[in-house]
All heavy atoms as atom14 arrays in JSON, in Angstrom:
{
  "sequence": "HRALFAKYLKGTRLADEVLDVRFYGPDTAVVTGRGDTYKGSRPRKLT",
  "atom14_mask": [
    [1, 1, 1, 1, 1, 1, 1, 1, 1, 1, 0, 0, 0, 0],
    [1, 1, 1, 1, 1, 1, 1, 1, 1, 1, 1, 0, 0, 0],
    [1, 1, 1, 1, 1, 0, 0, 0, 0, 0, 0, 0, 0, 0],
    [1, 1, 1, 1, 1, 1, 1, 1, 0, 0, 0, 0, 0, 0],
    [1, 1, 1, 1, 1, 1, 1, 1, 1, 1, 1, 0, 0, 0],
    [1, 1, 1, 1, 1, 0, 0, 0, 0, 0, 0, 0, 0, 0],
    [1, 1, 1, 1, 1, 1, 1, 1, 1, 0, 0, 0, 0, 0],
    [1, 1, 1, 1, 1, 1, 1, 1, 1, 1, 1, 1, 0, 0],
    [1, 1, 1, 1, 1, 1, 1, 1, 0, 0, 0, 0, 0, 0],
    [1, 1, 1, 1, 1, 1, 1, 1, 1, 0, 0, 0, 0, 0],
    [1, 1, 1, 1, 0, 0, 0, 0, 0, 0, 0, 0, 0, 0],
    [1, 1, 1, 1, 1, 1, 1, 0, 0, 0, 0, 0, 0, 0],
    [1, 1, 1, 1, 1, 1, 1, 1, 1, 1, 1, 0, 0, 0],
    [1, 1, 1, 1, 1, 1, 1, 1, 0, 0, 0, 0, 0, 0],
    [1, 1, 1, 1, 1, 0, 0, 0, 0, 0, 0, 0, 0, 0],
    [1, 1, 1, 1, 1, 1, 1, 1, 0, 0, 0, 0, 0, 0],
    [1, 1, 1, 1, 1, 1, 1, 1, 1, 0, 0, 0, 0, 0],
    [1, 1, 1, 1, 1, 1, 1, 0, 0, 0, 0, 0, 0, 0],
    [1, 1, 1, 1, 1, 1, 1, 1, 0, 0, 0, 0, 0, 0],
    [1, 1, 1, 1, 1, 1, 1, 1, 0, 0, 0, 0, 0, 0],
    [1, 1, 1, 1, 1, 1, 1, 0, 0, 0, 0, 0, 0, 0],
    [1, 1, 1, 1, 1, 1, 1, 1, 1, 1, 1, 0, 0, 0],
    [1, 1, 1, 1, 1, 1, 1, 1, 1, 1, 1, 0, 0, 0],
    [1, 1, 1, 1, 1, 1, 1, 1, 1, 1, 1, 1, 0, 0],
    [1, 1, 1, 1, 0, 0, 0, 0, 0, 0, 0, 0, 0, 0],
    [1, 1, 1, 1, 1, 1, 1, 0, 0, 0, 0, 0, 0, 0],
    [1, 1, 1, 1, 1, 1, 1, 1, 0, 0, 0, 0, 0, 0],
    [1, 1, 1, 1, 1, 1, 1, 0, 0, 0, 0, 0, 0, 0],
    [1, 1, 1, 1, 1, 0, 0, 0, 0, 0, 0, 0, 0, 0],
    [1, 1, 1, 1, 1, 1, 1, 0, 0, 0, 0, 0, 0, 0],
    [1, 1, 1, 1, 1, 1, 1, 0, 0, 0, 0, 0, 0, 0],
    [1, 1, 1, 1, 1, 1, 1, 0, 0, 0, 0, 0, 0, 0],
    [1, 1, 1, 1, 0, 0, 0, 0, 0, 0, 0, 0, 0, 0],
    [1, 1, 1, 1, 1, 1, 1, 1, 1, 1, 1, 0, 0, 0],
    [1, 1, 1, 1, 0, 0, 0, 0, 0, 0, 0, 0, 0, 0],
    [1, 1, 1, 1, 1, 1, 1, 1, 0, 0, 0, 0, 0, 0],
    [1, 1, 1, 1, 1, 1, 1, 0, 0, 0, 0, 0, 0, 0],
    [1, 1, 1, 1, 1, 1, 1, 1, 1, 1, 1, 1, 0, 0],
    [1, 1, 1, 1, 1, 1, 1, 1, 1, 0, 0, 0, 0, 0],
    [1, 1, 1, 1, 0, 0, 0, 0, 0, 0, 0, 0, 0, 0],
    [1, 1, 1, 1, 1, 1, 0, 0, 0, 0, 0, 0, 0, 0],
    [1, 1, 1, 1, 1, 1, 1, 1, 1, 1, 1, 0, 0, 0],
    [1, 1, 1, 1, 1, 1, 1, 0, 0, 0, 0, 0, 0, 0],
    [1, 1, 1, 1, 1, 1, 1, 1, 1, 1, 1, 0, 0, 0],
    [1, 1, 1, 1, 1, 1, 1, 1, 1, 0, 0, 0, 0, 0],
    [1, 1, 1, 1, 1, 1, 1, 1, 0, 0, 0, 0, 0, 0],
    [1, 1, 1, 1, 1, 1, 1, 0, 0, 0, 0, 0, 0, 0]
  ],
  "atom14_positions": [
    [[5.8, -12.83, 1.43], [5.04, -12.35, 0.26], [4.99, -13.36, -0.88], [4.01, -13.42, -1.6], [5.59, -10.98, -0.17], [5.06, -9.91, 0.73], [5.61, -9.64, 1.95], [3.99, -9.06, 0.57], [4.9, -8.69, 2.54], [3.92, -8.33, 1.72], [0.0, 0.0, 0.0], [0.0, 0.0, 0.0], [0.0, 0.0, 0.0], [0.0, 0.0, 0.0]],
    [[6.03, -14.15, -0.99], [5.97, -15.22, -1.98], [4.79, -16.16, -1.66], [4.01, -16.5, -2.55], [7.29, -16.01, -1.98], [7.37, -17.03, -3.09], [8.78, -17.63, -3.2], [9.64, -16.66, -3.88], [10.82, -16.24, -3.42], [11.3, -16.68, -2.28], [11.5, -15.38, -4.07], [0.0, 0.0, 0.0], [0.0, 0.0, 0.0], [0.0, 0.0, 0.0]],
    [[4.63, -16.5, -0.39], [3.51, -17.35, 0.04], [2.16, -16.63, -0.13], [1.2, -17.22, -0.59], [3.7, -17.8, 1.48], [0.0, 0.0, 0.0], [0.0, 0.0, 0.0], [0.0, 0.0, 0.0], [0.0, 0.0, 0.0], [0.0, 0.0, 0.0], [0.0, 0.0, 0.0], [0.0, 0.0, 0.0], [0.0, 0.0, 0.0], [0.0, 0.0, 0.0]],
    [[2.13, -15.34, 0.24], [0.86, -14.56, 0.11], [0.46, -14.44, -1.34], [-0.74, -14.61, -1.66], [1.03, -13.16, 0.72], [1.09, -13.13, 2.24], [1.57, -11.74, 2.72], [-0.27, -13.46, 2.84], [0.0, 0.0, 0.0], [0.0, 0.0, 0.0], [0.0, 0.0, 0.0], [0.0, 0.0, 0.0], [0.0, 0.0, 0.0], [0.0, 0.0, 0.0]],
    [[1.4, -14.14, -2.23], [1.05, -13.98, -3.66], [0.6, -15.3, -4.28], [-0.18, -15.31, -5.22], [2.25, -13.44, -4.43], [2.65, -12.01, -4.08], [3.93, -11.58, -4.23], [1.71, -11.09, -3.62], [4.31, -10.29, -3.93], [2.06, -9.79, -3.31], [3.39, -9.4, -3.48], [0.0, 0.0, 0.0], [0.0, 0.0, 0.0], [0.0, 0.0, 0.0]],
    [[1.06, -16.42, -3.72], [0.69, -17.7, -4.26], [-0.67, -18.17, -3.77], [-1.31, -19.0, -4.41], [1.73, -18.77, -3.92], [0.0, 0.0, 0.0], [0.0, 0.0, 0.0], [0.0, 0.0, 0.0], [0.0, 0.0, 0.0], [0.0, 0.0, 0.0], [0.0, 0.0, 0.0], [0.0, 0.0, 0.0], [0.0, 0.0, 0.0], [0.0, 0.0, 0.0]],
    [[-1.14, -17.61, -2.63], [-2.38, -18.12, -2.07], [-3.36, -17.02, -1.73], [-4.26, -16.68, -2.5], [-2.05, -18.95, -0.83], [-3.25, -19.7, -0.27], [-2.89, -20.69, 0.77], [-4.15, -21.44, 1.17], [-3.91, -22.64, 1.89], [0.0, 0.0, 0.0], [0.0, 0.0, 0.0], [0.0, 0.0, 0.0], [0.0, 0.0, 0.0], [0.0, 0.0, 0.0]],
    [[-3.23, -16.42, -0.54], [-4.21, -15.46, -0.05], [-4.36, -14.17, -0.86], [-5.44, -13.61, -0.96], [-3.95, -15.09, 1.4], [-4.03, -16.3, 2.33], [-2.9, -16.76, 2.99], [-5.23, -16.95, 2.54], [-2.98, -17.88, 3.81], [-5.31, -18.04, 3.37], [-4.17, -18.52, 4.01], [-4.24, -19.61, 4.81], [0.0, 0.0, 0.0], [0.0, 0.0, 0.0]],
    [[-3.26, -13.73, -1.42], [-3.3, -12.46, -2.18], [-3.1, -12.68, -3.66], [-2.81, -11.73, -4.41], [-2.24, -11.49, -1.64], [-2.48, -11.07, -0.18], [-1.31, -10.22, 0.32], [-3.8, -10.36, -0.03], [0.0, 0.0, 0.0], [0.0, 0.0, 0.0], [0.0, 0.0, 0.0], [0.0, 0.0, 0.0], [0.0, 0.0, 0.0], [0.0, 0.0, 0.0]],
    [[-3.33, -13.9, -4.11], [-3.18, -14.24, -5.52], [-4.12, -13.39, -6.37], [-5.32, -13.27, -6.06], [-3.46, -15.72, -5.74], [-3.18, -16.2, -7.14], [-3.36, -17.69, -7.25], [-2.92, -18.15, -8.6], [-2.92, -19.61, -8.68], [0.0, 0.0, 0.0], [0.0, 0.0, 0.0], [0.0, 0.0, 0.0], [0.0, 0.0, 0.0], [0.0, 0.0, 0.0]],
    [[-3.61, -12.74, -7.38], [-4.43, -11.95, -8.3], [-4.83, -10.58, -7.77], [-5.59, -9.9, -8.4], [0.0, 0.0, 0.0], [0.0, 0.0, 0.0], [0.0, 0.0, 0.0], [0.0, 0.0, 0.0], [0.0, 0.0, 0.0], [0.0, 0.0, 0.0], [0.0, 0.0, 0.0], [0.0, 0.0, 0.0], [0.0, 0.0, 0.0], [0.0, 0.0, 0.0]],
    [[-4.3, -10.19, -6.62], [-4.68, -8.88, -6.05], [-3.78, -7.78, -6.62], [-2.69, -8.03, -7.16], [-4.56, -8.85, -4.52], [-3.17, -9.08, -4.16], [-5.47, -9.88, -3.88], [0.0, 0.0, 0.0], [0.0, 0.0, 0.0], [0.0, 0.0, 0.0], [0.0, 0.0, 0.0], [0.0, 0.0, 0.0], [0.0, 0.0, 0.0], [0.0, 0.0, 0.0]],
    [[-4.28, -6.6, -6.46], [-3.53, -5.38, -6.79], [-3.41, -4.56, -5.49], [-4.12, -4.83, -4.52], [-4.24, -4.59, -7.86], [-4.32, -5.41, -9.18], [-5.0, -4.66, -10.31], [-4.36, -3.4, -10.66], [-3.3, -3.28, -11.48], [-2.73, -4.37, -11.99], [-2.79, -2.1, -11.75], [0.0, 0.0, 0.0], [0.0, 0.0, 0.0], [0.0, 0.0, 0.0]],
    [[-2.52, -3.62, -5.5], [-2.32, -2.79, -4.34], [-2.66, -1.34, -4.65], [-2.12, -0.76, -5.6], [-0.86, -2.87, -3.88], [-0.48, -2.21, -2.57], [-1.23, -2.83, -1.41], [1.03, -2.38, -2.35], [0.0, 0.0, 0.0], [0.0, 0.0, 0.0], [0.0, 0.0, 0.0], [0.0, 0.0, 0.0], [0.0, 0.0, 0.0], [0.0, 0.0, 0.0]],
    [[-3.59, -0.8, -3.9], [-3.96, 0.62, -4.02], [-3.21, 1.39, -2.93], [-3.07, 0.9, -1.8], [-5.46, 0.84, -3.86], [0.0, 0.0, 0.0], [0.0, 0.0, 0.0], [0.0, 0.0, 0.0], [0.0, 0.0, 0.0], [0.0, 0.0, 0.0], [0.0, 0.0, 0.0], [0.0, 0.0, 0.0], [0.0, 0.0, 0.0], [0.0, 0.0, 0.0]],
    [[-2.72, 2.59, -3.26], [-1.93, 3.35, -2.31], [-2.19, 4.81, -2.5], [-2.45, 5.27, -3.62], [-0.45, 3.05, -2.53], [0.38, 3.69, -1.47], [0.42, 3.21, -0.34], [1.07, 4.69, -1.82], [0.0, 0.0, 0.0], [0.0, 0.0, 0.0], [0.0, 0.0, 0.0], [0.0, 0.0, 0.0], [0.0, 0.0, 0.0], [0.0, 0.0, 0.0]],
    [[-2.14, 5.55, -1.41], [-2.27, 7.02, -1.42], [-1.33, 7.57, -0.38], [-1.48, 7.3, 0.82], [-3.73, 7.41, -1.1], [-3.94, 8.88, -0.95], [-5.33, 9.21, -0.42], [-6.14, 8.26, -0.26], [-5.57, 10.37, -0.17], [0.0, 0.0, 0.0], [0.0, 0.0, 0.0], [0.0, 0.0, 0.0], [0.0, 0.0, 0.0], [0.0, 0.0, 0.0]],
    [[-0.33, 8.31, -0.79], [0.6, 8.93, 0.14], [-0.06, 10.16, 0.71], [-0.53, 11.06, -0.02], [1.94, 9.29, -0.56], [2.82, 10.15, 0.38], [2.67, 8.06, -1.0], [0.0, 0.0, 0.0], [0.0, 0.0, 0.0], [0.0, 0.0, 0.0], [0.0, 0.0, 0.0], [0.0, 0.0, 0.0], [0.0, 0.0, 0.0], [0.0, 0.0, 0.0]],
    [[-0.15, 10.25, 2.06], [-0.72, 11.39, 2.74], [0.33, 12.41, 3.15], [0.06, 13.6, 3.12], [-1.48, 10.91, 4.0], [-2.62, 9.94, 3.78], [-3.14, 9.46, 5.14], [-3.71, 10.59, 2.94], [0.0, 0.0, 0.0], [0.0, 0.0, 0.0], [0.0, 0.0, 0.0], [0.0, 0.0, 0.0], [0.0, 0.0, 0.0], [0.0, 0.0, 0.0]],
    [[1.54, 11.94, 3.48], [2.52, 12.83, 4.02], [3.9, 12.21, 3.9], [4.08, 10.99, 4.09], [2.21, 13.06, 5.52], [3.08, 14.1, 6.18], [3.3, 15.16, 5.58], [3.53, 13.81, 7.32], [0.0, 0.0, 0.0], [0.0, 0.0, 0.0], [0.0, 0.0, 0.0], [0.0, 0.0, 0.0], [0.0, 0.0, 0.0], [0.0, 0.0, 0.0]],
    [[4.88, 13.04, 3.57], [6.3, 12.64, 3.58], [7.0, 13.65, 4.46], [6.95, 14.88, 4.22], [6.92, 12.67, 2.18], [8.39, 12.27, 2.25], [6.16, 11.7, 1.25], [0.0, 0.0, 0.0], [0.0, 0.0, 0.0], [0.0, 0.0, 0.0], [0.0, 0.0, 0.0], [0.0, 0.0, 0.0], [0.0, 0.0, 0.0], [0.0, 0.0, 0.0]],
    [[7.68, 13.19, 5.53], [8.42, 14.07, 6.43], [9.84, 13.55, 6.57], [10.05, 12.34, 6.64], [7.76, 14.13, 7.83], [6.47, 14.9, 7.8], [5.72, 14.75, 9.13], [5.14, 13.39, 9.15], [5.15, 12.59, 10.21], [5.66, 12.99, 11.34], [4.6, 11.41, 10.13], [0.0, 0.0, 0.0], [0.0, 0.0, 0.0], [0.0, 0.0, 0.0]],
    [[10.79, 14.44, 6.61], [12.19, 14.07, 6.77], [12.67, 14.43, 8.16], [12.33, 15.47, 8.7], [13.04, 14.8, 5.72], [12.84, 14.27, 4.35], [11.84, 14.81, 3.55], [13.62, 13.22, 3.87], [11.61, 14.31, 2.25], [13.39, 12.72, 2.59], [12.4, 13.28, 1.8], [0.0, 0.0, 0.0], [0.0, 0.0, 0.0], [0.0, 0.0, 0.0]],
    [[13.48, 13.53, 8.73], [14.08, 13.73, 10.02], [15.59, 13.6, 9.8], [16.16, 12.54, 9.97], [13.56, 12.69, 11.03], [12.09, 12.88, 11.29], [11.13, 12.21, 10.56], [11.67, 13.79, 12.24], [9.79, 12.43, 10.79], [10.33, 14.04, 12.46], [9.39, 13.33, 11.71], [8.06, 13.59, 11.93], [0.0, 0.0, 0.0], [0.0, 0.0, 0.0]],
    [[16.19, 14.68, 9.38], [17.58, 14.68, 8.95], [17.68, 14.31, 7.53], [16.71, 14.03, 6.83], [0.0, 0.0, 0.0], [0.0, 0.0, 0.0], [0.0, 0.0, 0.0], [0.0, 0.0, 0.0], [0.0, 0.0, 0.0], [0.0, 0.0, 0.0], [0.0, 0.0, 0.0], [0.0, 0.0, 0.0], [0.0, 0.0, 0.0], [0.0, 0.0, 0.0]],
    [[18.92, 14.28, 7.0], [19.1, 14.07, 5.56], [18.89, 12.6, 5.11], [18.7, 12.33, 3.93], [20.55, 14.48, 5.35], [21.2, 14.26, 6.65], [20.17, 14.57, 7.68], [0.0, 0.0, 0.0], [0.0, 0.0, 0.0], [0.0, 0.0, 0.0], [0.0, 0.0, 0.0], [0.0, 0.0, 0.0], [0.0, 0.0, 0.0], [0.0, 0.0, 0.0]],
    [[18.87, 11.66, 6.05], [18.87, 10.26, 5.66], [17.72, 9.45, 6.21], [17.74, 8.22, 6.19], [20.17, 9.61, 6.11], [21.37, 10.24, 5.44], [21.26, 10.65, 4.25], [22.43, 10.41, 6.09], [0.0, 0.0, 0.0], [0.0, 0.0, 0.0], [0.0, 0.0, 0.0], [0.0, 0.0, 0.0], [0.0, 0.0, 0.0], [0.0, 0.0, 0.0]],
    [[16.7, 10.11, 6.76], [15.53, 9.39, 7.32], [14.22, 10.1, 6.9], [14.13, 11.3, 7.03], [15.6, 9.36, 8.87], [16.86, 8.79, 9.26], [14.48, 8.53, 9.46], [0.0, 0.0, 0.0], [0.0, 0.0, 0.0], [0.0, 0.0, 0.0], [0.0, 0.0, 0.0], [0.0, 0.0, 0.0], [0.0, 0.0, 0.0], [0.0, 0.0, 0.0]],
    [[13.29, 9.31, 6.44], [11.99, 9.85, 6.02], [10.87, 8.98, 6.61], [11.07, 7.77, 6.69], [11.89, 9.93, 4.53], [0.0, 0.0, 0.0], [0.0, 0.0, 0.0], [0.0, 0.0, 0.0], [0.0, 0.0, 0.0], [0.0, 0.0, 0.0], [0.0, 0.0, 0.0], [0.0, 0.0, 0.0], [0.0, 0.0, 0.0], [0.0, 0.0, 0.0]],
    [[9.76, 9.61, 6.95], [8.6, 8.89, 7.39], [7.48, 9.21, 6.39], [7.19, 10.39, 6.15], [8.18, 9.26, 8.82], [6.86, 8.6, 9.19], [9.27, 8.9, 9.82], [0.0, 0.0, 0.0], [0.0, 0.0, 0.0], [0.0, 0.0, 0.0], [0.0, 0.0, 0.0], [0.0, 0.0, 0.0], [0.0, 0.0, 0.0], [0.0, 0.0, 0.0]],
    [[6.9, 8.15, 5.84], [5.78, 8.27, 4.9], [4.57, 7.73, 5.57], [4.56, 6.6, 6.06], [6.08, 7.55, 3.59], [4.86, 7.67, 2.63], [7.34, 8.11, 2.91], [0.0, 0.0, 0.0], [0.0, 0.0, 0.0], [0.0, 0.0, 0.0], [0.0, 0.0, 0.0], [0.0, 0.0, 0.0], [0.0, 0.0, 0.0], [0.0, 0.0, 0.0]],
    [[3.47, 8.48, 5.57], [2.19, 8.03, 6.04], [1.25, 7.95, 4.86], [1.21, 8.89, 4.01], [1.6, 8.98, 7.1], [2.58, 9.16, 8.13], [0.35, 8.39, 7.71], [0.0, 0.0, 0.0], [0.0, 0.0, 0.0], [0.0, 0.0, 0.0], [0.0, 0.0, 0.0], [0.0, 0.0, 0.0], [0.0, 0.0, 0.0], [0.0, 0.0, 0.0]],
    [[0.53, 6.86, 4.76], [-0.36, 6.68, 3.61], [-1.57, 5.83, 3.93], [-1.69, 5.29, 5.03], [0.0, 0.0, 0.0], [0.0, 0.0, 0.0], [0.0, 0.0, 0.0], [0.0, 0.0, 0.0], [0.0, 0.0, 0.0], [0.0, 0.0, 0.0], [0.0, 0.0, 0.0], [0.0, 0.0, 0.0], [0.0, 0.0, 0.0], [0.0, 0.0, 0.0]],
    [[-2.41, 5.68, 2.96], [-3.54, 4.77, 2.99], [-3.29, 3.71, 1.93], [-2.68, 4.0, 0.92], [-4.84, 5.47, 2.69], [-5.29, 6.42, 3.81], [-6.69, 6.92, 3.53], [-7.13, 7.8, 4.59], [-7.18, 9.1, 4.52], [-6.84, 9.72, 3.38], [-7.58, 9.82, 5.53], [0.0, 0.0, 0.0], [0.0, 0.0, 0.0], [0.0, 0.0, 0.0]],
    [[-3.81, 2.54, 2.14], [-3.64, 1.48, 1.18], [-4.69, 0.41, 1.34], [-5.46, 0.38, 2.3], [0.0, 0.0, 0.0], [0.0, 0.0, 0.0], [0.0, 0.0, 0.0], [0.0, 0.0, 0.0], [0.0, 0.0, 0.0], [0.0, 0.0, 0.0], [0.0, 0.0, 0.0], [0.0, 0.0, 0.0], [0.0, 0.0, 0.0], [0.0, 0.0, 0.0]],
    [[-4.72, -0.48, 0.35], [-5.62, -1.6, 0.37], [-5.28, -2.55, -0.75], [-4.7, -2.14, -1.78], [-7.05, -1.17, 0.2], [-7.98, -1.86, 1.19], [-7.75, -3.01, 1.54], [-8.98, -1.22, 1.57], [0.0, 0.0, 0.0], [0.0, 0.0, 0.0], [0.0, 0.0, 0.0], [0.0, 0.0, 0.0], [0.0, 0.0, 0.0], [0.0, 0.0, 0.0]],
    [[-5.58, -3.81, -0.56], [-5.47, -4.79, -1.64], [-6.87, -4.94, -2.23], [-7.85, -4.75, -1.54], [-4.96, -6.14, -1.11], [-5.82, -6.63, -0.09], [-3.57, -6.01, -0.59], [0.0, 0.0, 0.0], [0.0, 0.0, 0.0], [0.0, 0.0, 0.0], [0.0, 0.0, 0.0], [0.0, 0.0, 0.0], [0.0, 0.0, 0.0], [0.0, 0.0, 0.0]],
    [[-6.89, -5.3, -3.54], [-8.2, -5.47, -4.19], [-8.07, -6.32, -5.41], [-6.95, -6.52, -5.95], [-8.79, -4.12, -4.55], [-8.0, -3.35, -5.6], [-8.39, -3.38, -6.93], [-6.88, -2.62, -5.31], [-7.7, -2.68, -7.92], [-6.18, -1.91, -6.25], [-6.56, -1.97, -7.57], [-5.85, -1.33, -8.52], [0.0, 0.0, 0.0], [0.0, 0.0, 0.0]],
    [[-9.17, -6.82, -5.87], [-9.34, -7.48, -7.19], [-10.4, -6.72, -7.92], [-11.33, -6.16, -7.29], [-9.77, -8.93, -6.99], [-8.66, -9.81, -6.47], [-9.11, -11.24, -6.44], [-8.02, -12.14, -5.9], [-8.39, -13.52, -5.86], [0.0, 0.0, 0.0], [0.0, 0.0, 0.0], [0.0, 0.0, 0.0], [0.0, 0.0, 0.0], [0.0, 0.0, 0.0]],
    [[-10.31, -6.58, -9.21], [-11.31, -5.83, -9.97], [-11.01, -4.34, -9.89], [-9.89, -3.9, -10.06], [0.0, 0.0, 0.0], [0.0, 0.0, 0.0], [0.0, 0.0, 0.0], [0.0, 0.0, 0.0], [0.0, 0.0, 0.0], [0.0, 0.0, 0.0], [0.0, 0.0, 0.0], [0.0, 0.0, 0.0], [0.0, 0.0, 0.0], [0.0, 0.0, 0.0]],
    [[-12.04, -3.57, -9.61], [-11.91, -2.11, -9.56], [-11.24, -1.64, -8.27], [-11.49, -2.18, -7.2], [-13.28, -1.45, -9.67], [-13.88, -1.82, -10.88], [0.0, 0.0, 0.0], [0.0, 0.0, 0.0], [0.0, 0.0, 0.0], [0.0, 0.0, 0.0], [0.0, 0.0, 0.0], [0.0, 0.0, 0.0], [0.0, 0.0, 0.0], [0.0, 0.0, 0.0]],
    [[-10.44, -0.57, -8.39], [-9.81, 0.04, -7.22], [-10.91, 0.52, -6.26], [-11.82, 1.21, -6.69], [-8.92, 1.18, -7.68], [-8.22, 1.89, -6.53], [-7.45, 3.09, -7.06], [-7.07, 3.98, -6.03], [-5.86, 4.07, -5.55], [-4.89, 3.4, -6.03], [-5.62, 4.95, -4.53], [0.0, 0.0, 0.0], [0.0, 0.0, 0.0], [0.0, 0.0, 0.0]],
    [[-10.76, 0.24, -4.97], [-11.76, 0.73, -3.99], [-11.7, 2.24, -3.88], [-10.63, 2.88, -3.99], [-11.32, 0.05, -2.67], [-9.96, -0.37, -2.86], [-9.7, -0.55, -4.34], [0.0, 0.0, 0.0], [0.0, 0.0, 0.0], [0.0, 0.0, 0.0], [0.0, 0.0, 0.0], [0.0, 0.0, 0.0], [0.0, 0.0, 0.0], [0.0, 0.0, 0.0]],
    [[-12.85, 2.86, -3.67], [-12.93, 4.3, -3.51], [-12.32, 4.73, -2.18], [-11.65, 5.73, -2.09], [-14.38, 4.8, -3.58], [-14.91, 4.73, -4.97], [-16.29, 5.28, -5.11], [-16.81, 5.83, -3.84], [-18.02, 6.24, -3.68], [-18.85, 6.24, -4.66], [-18.42, 6.71, -2.51], [0.0, 0.0, 0.0], [0.0, 0.0, 0.0], [0.0, 0.0, 0.0]],
    [[-12.59, 3.92, -1.13], [-12.04, 4.25, 0.19], [-11.02, 3.16, 0.55], [-11.34, 2.0, 0.51], [-13.13, 4.31, 1.24], [-14.03, 5.51, 1.06], [-14.92, 5.69, 2.23], [-15.75, 6.96, 2.01], [-16.46, 7.4, 3.19], [0.0, 0.0, 0.0], [0.0, 0.0, 0.0], [0.0, 0.0, 0.0], [0.0, 0.0, 0.0], [0.0, 0.0, 0.0]],
    [[-9.84, 3.58, 0.94], [-8.82, 2.63, 1.33], [-8.89, 2.39, 2.82], [-9.02, 3.34, 3.6], [-7.43, 3.18, 0.93], [-7.32, 3.53, -0.55], [-5.94, 4.07, -0.88], [-7.63, 2.36, -1.44], [0.0, 0.0, 0.0], [0.0, 0.0, 0.0], [0.0, 0.0, 0.0], [0.0, 0.0, 0.0], [0.0, 0.0, 0.0], [0.0, 0.0, 0.0]],
    [[-8.86, 1.11, 3.23], [-9.22, 0.73, 4.6], [-8.0, 0.57, 5.56], [-8.2, 0.27, 6.73], [-10.0, -0.58, 4.65], [-9.17, -1.63, 4.13], [-11.27, -0.48, 3.82], [0.0, 0.0, 0.0], [0.0, 0.0, 0.0], [0.0, 0.0, 0.0], [0.0, 0.0, 0.0], [0.0, 0.0, 0.0], [0.0, 0.0, 0.0], [0.0, 0.0, 0.0]]
  ]
}
């Protein structure tokens, strides 16, 4: 990520949407979500 932030993802932001959080016992969780990187305005649809 240090390399990505310095070059390919320089100046990007991260959009995220959590769809689901499920627990499997007291110490394990699975999160499913949508996300995307962007510059400028946040994308309407996350890819």
